[in-house]
Amino acid sequence: MNHWYIRVKDGKNFKNSSSFNIYGLKSWYTLTKNFMKLSQEGDILWFVTNIKLDNLVIACANFERTKKRELGPLINLDMSDEDLGWQKNNNDVWDTELHYKNLYNIENISFKLKGLPARSTIGKINNNEIEEKLNNEYRNIIKYSKIKFSF
């Protein structure tokens, strides 16, 4: 089982679509391509705010799958950005859905992931020491929390 961090900017779009267990990705980014190639069902996802918000982990979940979005022009086979509550900044386009399960809202515990690459939006945690700490944190989150389906 691998640990992945996913930056969610200020977390608003993530929170808005959390009741559907979906988050949007931009598949043309190299880091996203790597994630889509290497991630496996059950991997642990850590949803992290941007650096301005101090890399606060607001949620964790288990990875299920990614799916190319099928939108319009006449019929949407997937939910639209508006349906998911996503607000665009600078003409954002999310062409891939990230599906997850077992979402835990942990923003109230002030858990921060330090040492992440500054400009990366998604990545695998490759540091053994950090992985071990995340394994311990995840076990405690499961032990002492309830699954939250939305924020």
N, C-alpha and C. Protein backbone atom coordinates (compact mmCIF):
# COMPACT_ATOMS: atom_id res chain seq x y z
N MET A 1 0.85 -1.17 0.00
CA MET A 1 0.00 0.00 0.00
C MET A 1 0.89 1.24 0.00
N ASN A 2 0.58 2.18 -0.88
CA ASN A 2 1.36 3.41 -0.99
C ASN A 2 0.59 4.59 -0.42
N HIS A 3 1.35 5.62 -0.07
CA HIS A 3 0.77 6.88 0.39
C HIS A 3 0.99 7.92 -0.70
N TRP A 4 -0.05 8.69 -1.02
CA TRP A 4 0.00 9.75 -2.02
C TRP A 4 -0.52 11.04 -1.39
N TYR A 5 0.11 12.14 -1.73
CA TYR A 5 -0.46 13.44 -1.34
C TYR A 5 -1.08 14.07 -2.59
N ILE A 6 -2.17 14.76 -2.37
CA ILE A 6 -2.87 15.45 -3.45
C ILE A 6 -3.18 16.85 -2.95
N ARG A 7 -2.61 17.83 -3.61
CA ARG A 7 -2.86 19.22 -3.21
C ARG A 7 -4.25 19.63 -3.70
N VAL A 8 -4.99 20.27 -2.82
CA VAL A 8 -6.36 20.67 -3.14
C VAL A 8 -6.55 22.19 -3.01
N LYS A 9 -5.47 22.93 -3.27
CA LYS A 9 -5.45 24.40 -3.14
C LYS A 9 -6.00 24.79 -1.77
N ASP A 10 -7.10 25.55 -1.72
CA ASP A 10 -7.67 25.95 -0.42
C ASP A 10 -8.68 24.93 0.10
N GLY A 11 -8.97 23.90 -0.68
CA GLY A 11 -9.85 22.83 -0.27
C GLY A 11 -11.32 23.01 -0.61
N LYS A 12 -11.71 24.18 -1.12
CA LYS A 12 -13.14 24.43 -1.38
C LYS A 12 -13.72 23.47 -2.41
N ASN A 13 -13.07 23.31 -3.55
CA ASN A 13 -13.60 22.39 -4.57
C ASN A 13 -13.61 20.96 -4.06
N PHE A 14 -12.58 20.58 -3.34
CA PHE A 14 -12.53 19.24 -2.77
C PHE A 14 -13.72 19.02 -1.83
N LYS A 15 -13.94 19.95 -0.94
CA LYS A 15 -15.05 19.82 0.02
C LYS A 15 -16.40 19.79 -0.71
N ASN A 16 -16.54 20.62 -1.74
CA ASN A 16 -17.81 20.67 -2.46
C ASN A 16 -18.17 19.35 -3.12
N SER A 17 -17.18 18.61 -3.60
CA SER A 17 -17.48 17.34 -4.28
C SER A 17 -17.22 16.12 -3.39
N SER A 18 -16.89 16.34 -2.13
CA SER A 18 -16.56 15.20 -1.26
C SER A 18 -17.76 14.29 -1.00
N SER A 19 -18.96 14.81 -1.07
CA SER A 19 -20.13 13.95 -0.85
C SER A 19 -20.30 12.93 -1.98
N PHE A 20 -19.66 13.18 -3.12
CA PHE A 20 -19.69 12.25 -4.25
C PHE A 20 -18.44 11.37 -4.31
N ASN A 21 -17.50 11.60 -3.39
CA ASN A 21 -16.21 10.88 -3.38
C ASN A 21 -15.47 11.02 -4.70
N ILE A 22 -15.48 12.26 -5.21
CA ILE A 22 -14.82 12.57 -6.49
C ILE A 22 -14.00 13.85 -6.32
N TYR A 23 -12.82 13.85 -6.92
CA TYR A 23 -12.03 15.07 -7.03
C TYR A 23 -11.49 15.15 -8.45
N GLY A 24 -11.24 16.35 -8.95
CA GLY A 24 -10.82 16.55 -10.33
C GLY A 24 -9.31 16.61 -10.48
N LEU A 25 -8.82 15.97 -11.55
CA LEU A 25 -7.40 15.99 -11.88
C LEU A 25 -7.21 16.50 -13.30
N LYS A 26 -6.01 16.99 -13.56
CA LYS A 26 -5.60 17.42 -14.90
C LYS A 26 -4.61 16.39 -15.41
N SER A 27 -5.07 15.53 -16.31
CA SER A 27 -4.29 14.35 -16.69
C SER A 27 -3.05 14.66 -17.50
N TRP A 28 -2.94 15.85 -18.05
CA TRP A 28 -1.78 16.17 -18.88
C TRP A 28 -0.54 16.53 -18.06
N TYR A 29 -0.68 16.74 -16.75
CA TYR A 29 0.48 16.99 -15.92
C TYR A 29 1.28 15.69 -15.75
N THR A 30 2.59 15.79 -15.82
CA THR A 30 3.45 14.62 -15.68
C THR A 30 3.22 13.90 -14.36
N LEU A 31 3.10 14.66 -13.27
CA LEU A 31 2.89 14.02 -11.97
C LEU A 31 1.57 13.28 -11.91
N THR A 32 0.54 13.83 -12.54
CA THR A 32 -0.76 13.15 -12.58
C THR A 32 -0.68 11.89 -13.41
N LYS A 33 0.04 11.95 -14.53
CA LYS A 33 0.23 10.74 -15.36
C LYS A 33 0.90 9.64 -14.54
N ASN A 34 1.92 10.00 -13.77
CA ASN A 34 2.61 9.02 -12.93
C ASN A 34 1.66 8.43 -11.89
N PHE A 35 0.86 9.29 -11.27
CA PHE A 35 -0.12 8.82 -10.29
C PHE A 35 -1.09 7.84 -10.92
N MET A 36 -1.63 8.19 -12.08
CA MET A 36 -2.61 7.34 -12.74
C MET A 36 -1.99 6.00 -13.15
N LYS A 37 -0.72 6.00 -13.45
CA LYS A 37 -0.03 4.77 -13.87
C LYS A 37 0.32 3.88 -12.68
N LEU A 38 0.73 4.49 -11.56
CA LEU A 38 1.29 3.73 -10.44
C LEU A 38 0.33 3.47 -9.27
N SER A 39 -0.72 4.26 -9.14
CA SER A 39 -1.63 4.10 -8.00
C SER A 39 -2.42 2.80 -8.12
N GLN A 40 -2.74 2.25 -6.96
CA GLN A 40 -3.48 0.99 -6.91
C GLN A 40 -4.65 1.13 -5.95
N GLU A 41 -5.70 0.39 -6.23
CA GLU A 41 -6.87 0.42 -5.36
C GLU A 41 -6.44 0.14 -3.92
N GLY A 42 -6.93 0.96 -2.99
CA GLY A 42 -6.60 0.81 -1.58
C GLY A 42 -5.47 1.70 -1.10
N ASP A 43 -4.68 2.28 -2.02
CA ASP A 43 -3.63 3.21 -1.61
C ASP A 43 -4.26 4.33 -0.78
N ILE A 44 -3.47 4.91 0.10
CA ILE A 44 -3.96 5.97 0.98
C ILE A 44 -3.67 7.32 0.35
N LEU A 45 -4.72 8.14 0.26
CA LEU A 45 -4.62 9.49 -0.29
C LEU A 45 -4.68 10.49 0.85
N TRP A 46 -3.76 11.44 0.84
CA TRP A 46 -3.73 12.52 1.83
C TRP A 46 -4.02 13.82 1.07
N PHE A 47 -5.17 14.43 1.35
CA PHE A 47 -5.58 15.66 0.67
C PHE A 47 -5.03 16.85 1.46
N VAL A 48 -4.14 17.62 0.80
CA VAL A 48 -3.32 18.63 1.45
C VAL A 48 -3.59 20.00 0.82
N THR A 49 -3.74 21.03 1.67
CA THR A 49 -3.89 22.39 1.15
C THR A 49 -2.56 22.88 0.58
N ASN A 50 -2.59 24.04 -0.04
CA ASN A 50 -1.37 24.59 -0.64
C ASN A 50 -0.43 25.14 0.44
N ILE A 51 0.75 25.54 -0.01
CA ILE A 51 1.78 26.03 0.91
C ILE A 51 1.31 27.25 1.69
N LYS A 52 0.57 28.14 1.02
CA LYS A 52 0.07 29.35 1.71
C LYS A 52 -0.77 28.99 2.93
N LEU A 53 -1.43 27.83 2.85
CA LEU A 53 -2.24 27.36 3.97
C LEU A 53 -1.50 26.31 4.80
N ASP A 54 -0.18 26.29 4.66
CA ASP A 54 0.73 25.53 5.53
C ASP A 54 0.65 24.02 5.36
N ASN A 55 0.33 23.53 4.16
CA ASN A 55 0.29 22.08 3.90
C ASN A 55 -0.58 21.32 4.89
N LEU A 56 -1.70 21.90 5.25
CA LEU A 56 -2.63 21.27 6.19
C LEU A 56 -3.33 20.09 5.50
N VAL A 57 -3.29 18.94 6.15
CA VAL A 57 -4.00 17.77 5.64
C VAL A 57 -5.45 17.89 6.11
N ILE A 58 -6.37 18.00 5.16
CA ILE A 58 -7.77 18.19 5.54
C ILE A 58 -8.56 16.88 5.49
N ALA A 59 -8.03 15.86 4.80
CA ALA A 59 -8.75 14.59 4.72
C ALA A 59 -7.81 13.50 4.24
N CYS A 60 -8.23 12.28 4.49
CA CYS A 60 -7.55 11.12 3.91
C CYS A 60 -8.62 10.13 3.47
N ALA A 61 -8.26 9.28 2.53
CA ALA A 61 -9.21 8.32 1.96
C ALA A 61 -8.44 7.21 1.28
N ASN A 62 -9.16 6.22 0.80
CA ASN A 62 -8.56 5.13 0.03
C ASN A 62 -8.86 5.33 -1.45
N PHE A 63 -7.83 5.17 -2.25
CA PHE A 63 -7.96 5.30 -3.70
C PHE A 63 -8.81 4.16 -4.26
N GLU A 64 -9.71 4.52 -5.18
CA GLU A 64 -10.48 3.51 -5.91
C GLU A 64 -10.05 3.44 -7.36
N ARG A 65 -10.13 4.57 -8.07
CA ARG A 65 -9.81 4.57 -9.51
C ARG A 65 -9.78 6.00 -10.03
N THR A 66 -9.26 6.13 -11.24
CA THR A 66 -9.41 7.38 -11.99
C THR A 66 -10.27 7.08 -13.21
N LYS A 67 -10.93 8.12 -13.70
CA LYS A 67 -11.83 7.95 -14.84
C LYS A 67 -11.82 9.21 -15.68
N LYS A 68 -11.62 9.04 -16.97
CA LYS A 68 -11.69 10.16 -17.91
C LYS A 68 -13.12 10.70 -17.90
N ARG A 69 -13.25 12.02 -17.77
CA ARG A 69 -14.59 12.63 -17.73
C ARG A 69 -15.18 12.70 -19.13
N GLU A 70 -16.49 12.46 -19.22
CA GLU A 70 -17.21 12.53 -20.48
C GLU A 70 -18.29 13.60 -20.36
N LEU A 71 -17.97 14.79 -20.90
CA LEU A 71 -18.86 15.94 -20.80
C LEU A 71 -19.23 16.47 -22.17
N GLY A 72 -20.52 16.74 -22.39
CA GLY A 72 -21.08 17.43 -23.54
C GLY A 72 -20.47 17.09 -24.88
N PRO A 73 -20.80 17.86 -25.88
CA PRO A 73 -21.50 19.14 -25.83
C PRO A 73 -23.01 19.03 -25.65
N LEU A 74 -23.62 17.91 -26.01
CA LEU A 74 -25.07 17.79 -25.87
C LEU A 74 -25.48 17.11 -24.58
N ILE A 75 -24.80 16.03 -24.24
CA ILE A 75 -25.15 15.24 -23.06
C ILE A 75 -23.90 14.99 -22.23
N ASN A 76 -24.04 15.19 -20.92
CA ASN A 76 -22.95 14.86 -20.01
C ASN A 76 -23.17 13.45 -19.48
N LEU A 77 -22.20 12.57 -19.67
CA LEU A 77 -22.27 11.24 -19.09
C LEU A 77 -21.76 11.26 -17.65
N ASP A 78 -21.01 12.29 -17.31
CA ASP A 78 -20.51 12.48 -15.94
C ASP A 78 -21.06 13.79 -15.40
N MET A 79 -20.93 13.98 -14.11
CA MET A 79 -21.39 15.22 -13.49
C MET A 79 -20.55 16.39 -13.99
N SER A 80 -21.20 17.52 -14.19
CA SER A 80 -20.49 18.72 -14.64
C SER A 80 -19.75 19.36 -13.47
N ASP A 81 -18.88 20.31 -13.78
CA ASP A 81 -18.18 21.06 -12.74
C ASP A 81 -19.20 21.70 -11.79
N GLU A 82 -20.25 22.26 -12.36
CA GLU A 82 -21.28 22.92 -11.56
C GLU A 82 -21.99 21.92 -10.64
N ASP A 83 -22.30 20.72 -11.17
CA ASP A 83 -22.94 19.68 -10.35
C ASP A 83 -22.06 19.29 -9.16
N LEU A 84 -20.76 19.29 -9.38
CA LEU A 84 -19.81 18.92 -8.33
C LEU A 84 -19.43 20.08 -7.42
N GLY A 85 -19.87 21.29 -7.77
CA GLY A 85 -19.57 22.46 -6.95
C GLY A 85 -18.18 23.02 -7.13
N TRP A 86 -17.57 22.73 -8.29
CA TRP A 86 -16.22 23.21 -8.55
C TRP A 86 -16.26 24.60 -9.16
N GLN A 87 -15.46 25.48 -8.59
CA GLN A 87 -15.32 26.84 -9.10
C GLN A 87 -13.98 26.95 -9.80
N LYS A 88 -14.02 27.48 -11.01
CA LYS A 88 -12.79 27.57 -11.81
C LYS A 88 -11.97 28.79 -11.45
N ASN A 89 -10.66 28.60 -11.47
CA ASN A 89 -9.69 29.69 -11.35
C ASN A 89 -8.83 29.64 -12.59
N ASN A 90 -8.70 30.75 -13.28
CA ASN A 90 -7.83 30.81 -14.47
C ASN A 90 -8.18 29.73 -15.50
N ASN A 91 -9.44 29.57 -15.79
CA ASN A 91 -9.89 28.60 -16.80
C ASN A 91 -9.47 27.17 -16.49
N ASP A 92 -9.55 26.77 -15.24
CA ASP A 92 -9.22 25.40 -14.86
C ASP A 92 -10.07 24.42 -15.66
N VAL A 93 -9.45 23.33 -16.06
CA VAL A 93 -10.15 22.25 -16.75
C VAL A 93 -9.72 20.94 -16.11
N TRP A 94 -10.67 20.22 -15.54
CA TRP A 94 -10.40 18.93 -14.93
C TRP A 94 -10.95 17.87 -15.86
N ASP A 95 -10.08 17.11 -16.50
CA ASP A 95 -10.53 16.13 -17.49
C ASP A 95 -10.61 14.71 -16.95
N THR A 96 -10.20 14.53 -15.70
CA THR A 96 -10.17 13.19 -15.10
C THR A 96 -10.75 13.25 -13.69
N GLU A 97 -11.55 12.24 -13.35
CA GLU A 97 -12.09 12.14 -12.01
C GLU A 97 -11.24 11.19 -11.18
N LEU A 98 -10.97 11.59 -9.96
CA LEU A 98 -10.32 10.75 -8.97
C LEU A 98 -11.43 10.24 -8.05
N HIS A 99 -11.62 8.94 -8.00
CA HIS A 99 -12.64 8.34 -7.14
C HIS A 99 -11.95 7.71 -5.93
N TYR A 100 -12.54 7.92 -4.77
CA TYR A 100 -11.99 7.41 -3.53
C TYR A 100 -13.13 6.93 -2.63
N LYS A 101 -12.76 6.24 -1.55
CA LYS A 101 -13.76 5.78 -0.57
C LYS A 101 -13.17 5.94 0.82
N ASN A 102 -14.00 5.74 1.83
CA ASN A 102 -13.58 5.81 3.23
C ASN A 102 -12.93 7.16 3.54
N LEU A 103 -13.65 8.22 3.28
CA LEU A 103 -13.14 9.58 3.49
C LEU A 103 -13.21 9.95 4.97
N TYR A 104 -12.09 10.43 5.49
CA TYR A 104 -12.01 10.93 6.86
C TYR A 104 -11.68 12.41 6.81
N ASN A 105 -12.55 13.22 7.39
CA ASN A 105 -12.32 14.66 7.51
C ASN A 105 -11.45 14.89 8.75
N ILE A 106 -10.22 15.36 8.53
CA ILE A 106 -9.30 15.53 9.67
C ILE A 106 -8.76 16.96 9.75
N GLU A 107 -9.44 17.91 9.12
CA GLU A 107 -8.90 19.27 9.13
C GLU A 107 -8.86 19.89 10.51
N ASN A 108 -9.66 19.39 11.44
CA ASN A 108 -9.69 19.97 12.78
C ASN A 108 -8.55 19.51 13.68
N ILE A 109 -7.71 18.58 13.22
CA ILE A 109 -6.60 18.13 14.08
C ILE A 109 -5.28 18.83 13.75
N SER A 110 -5.27 19.73 12.79
CA SER A 110 -4.07 20.51 12.43
C SER A 110 -2.87 19.63 12.11
N PHE A 111 -3.10 18.62 11.30
CA PHE A 111 -2.04 17.72 10.85
C PHE A 111 -1.44 18.30 9.57
N LYS A 112 -0.13 18.52 9.57
CA LYS A 112 0.55 19.14 8.43
C LYS A 112 1.59 18.20 7.85
N LEU A 113 1.70 18.21 6.53
CA LEU A 113 2.74 17.42 5.85
C LEU A 113 3.83 18.37 5.40
N LYS A 114 4.91 18.37 6.10
CA LYS A 114 6.04 19.24 5.77
C LYS A 114 6.99 18.53 4.81
N GLY A 115 7.74 19.31 4.06
CA GLY A 115 8.77 18.75 3.20
C GLY A 115 8.28 18.30 1.83
N LEU A 116 7.05 18.64 1.46
CA LEU A 116 6.57 18.29 0.13
C LEU A 116 7.19 19.22 -0.90
N PRO A 117 7.45 18.74 -2.11
CA PRO A 117 7.97 19.63 -3.15
C PRO A 117 7.02 20.82 -3.36
N ALA A 118 7.58 22.00 -3.43
CA ALA A 118 6.78 23.24 -3.42
C ALA A 118 5.76 23.32 -4.55
N ARG A 119 6.12 22.96 -5.74
CA ARG A 119 5.23 23.15 -6.88
C ARG A 119 4.47 21.90 -7.30
N SER A 120 4.66 20.82 -6.61
CA SER A 120 4.01 19.58 -7.04
C SER A 120 2.56 19.54 -6.56
N THR A 121 1.70 19.00 -7.41
CA THR A 121 0.28 18.93 -7.09
C THR A 121 -0.13 17.55 -6.60
N ILE A 122 0.65 16.55 -6.94
CA ILE A 122 0.32 15.19 -6.57
C ILE A 122 1.61 14.37 -6.58
N GLY A 123 1.73 13.45 -5.65
CA GLY A 123 2.95 12.65 -5.64
C GLY A 123 2.91 11.54 -4.63
N LYS A 124 3.80 10.60 -4.83
CA LYS A 124 3.94 9.46 -3.93
C LYS A 124 4.92 9.83 -2.82
N ILE A 125 4.59 9.43 -1.61
CA ILE A 125 5.50 9.63 -0.49
C ILE A 125 6.55 8.52 -0.57
N ASN A 126 7.81 8.93 -0.78
CA ASN A 126 8.89 7.96 -0.98
C ASN A 126 9.88 7.92 0.18
N ASN A 127 9.60 8.63 1.23
CA ASN A 127 10.49 8.69 2.38
C ASN A 127 10.02 7.66 3.41
N ASN A 128 10.86 6.67 3.73
CA ASN A 128 10.47 5.59 4.64
C ASN A 128 10.05 6.10 6.01
N GLU A 129 10.76 7.08 6.53
CA GLU A 129 10.44 7.63 7.85
C GLU A 129 9.07 8.29 7.83
N ILE A 130 8.79 9.08 6.80
CA ILE A 130 7.49 9.74 6.69
C ILE A 130 6.39 8.70 6.46
N GLU A 131 6.67 7.69 5.63
CA GLU A 131 5.69 6.62 5.39
C GLU A 131 5.30 5.92 6.69
N GLU A 132 6.27 5.63 7.52
CA GLU A 132 5.98 4.97 8.79
C GLU A 132 5.12 5.85 9.68
N LYS A 133 5.43 7.15 9.72
CA LYS A 133 4.62 8.08 10.51
C LYS A 133 3.20 8.15 9.96
N LEU A 134 3.07 8.17 8.63
CA LEU A 134 1.74 8.21 8.03
C LEU A 134 0.97 6.93 8.30
N ASN A 135 1.64 5.79 8.28
CA ASN A 135 0.98 4.53 8.63
C ASN A 135 0.41 4.59 10.04
N ASN A 136 1.21 5.10 10.98
CA ASN A 136 0.75 5.24 12.37
C ASN A 136 -0.41 6.21 12.48
N GLU A 137 -0.30 7.36 11.82
CA GLU A 137 -1.38 8.35 11.85
C GLU A 137 -2.66 7.76 11.26
N TYR A 138 -2.52 7.06 10.14
CA TYR A 138 -3.69 6.49 9.49
C TYR A 138 -4.38 5.46 10.39
N ARG A 139 -3.60 4.61 11.04
CA ARG A 139 -4.18 3.63 11.97
C ARG A 139 -4.95 4.35 13.09
N ASN A 140 -4.39 5.44 13.61
CA ASN A 140 -5.07 6.19 14.67
C ASN A 140 -6.33 6.89 14.15
N ILE A 141 -6.25 7.42 12.95
CA ILE A 141 -7.43 8.08 12.36
C ILE A 141 -8.56 7.06 12.23
N ILE A 142 -8.26 5.88 11.72
CA ILE A 142 -9.28 4.85 11.57
C ILE A 142 -9.81 4.42 12.94
N LYS A 143 -8.92 4.29 13.90
CA LYS A 143 -9.30 3.81 15.23
C LYS A 143 -10.21 4.80 15.96
N TYR A 144 -9.92 6.10 15.83
CA TYR A 144 -10.61 7.09 16.64
C TYR A 144 -11.61 7.96 15.88
N SER A 145 -11.80 7.71 14.60
CA SER A 145 -12.68 8.56 13.80
C SER A 145 -13.80 7.74 13.17
N LYS A 146 -14.74 8.48 12.62
CA LYS A 146 -15.80 7.88 11.83
C LYS A 146 -15.63 8.36 10.40
N ILE A 147 -15.98 7.50 9.47
CA ILE A 147 -15.92 7.90 8.07
C ILE A 147 -16.86 9.08 7.86
N LYS A 148 -16.38 10.10 7.16
CA LYS A 148 -17.18 11.27 6.83
C LYS A 148 -17.44 11.25 5.35
N PHE A 149 -18.69 11.28 4.98
CA PHE A 149 -19.01 11.24 3.57
C PHE A 149 -18.93 12.62 2.93
N SER A 150 -18.98 13.66 3.72
CA SER A 150 -18.84 15.00 3.17
C SER A 150 -18.41 15.95 4.29
N PHE A 151 -18.06 17.15 3.90
CA PHE A 151 -17.64 18.18 4.85
C PHE A 151 -18.82 19.02 5.28
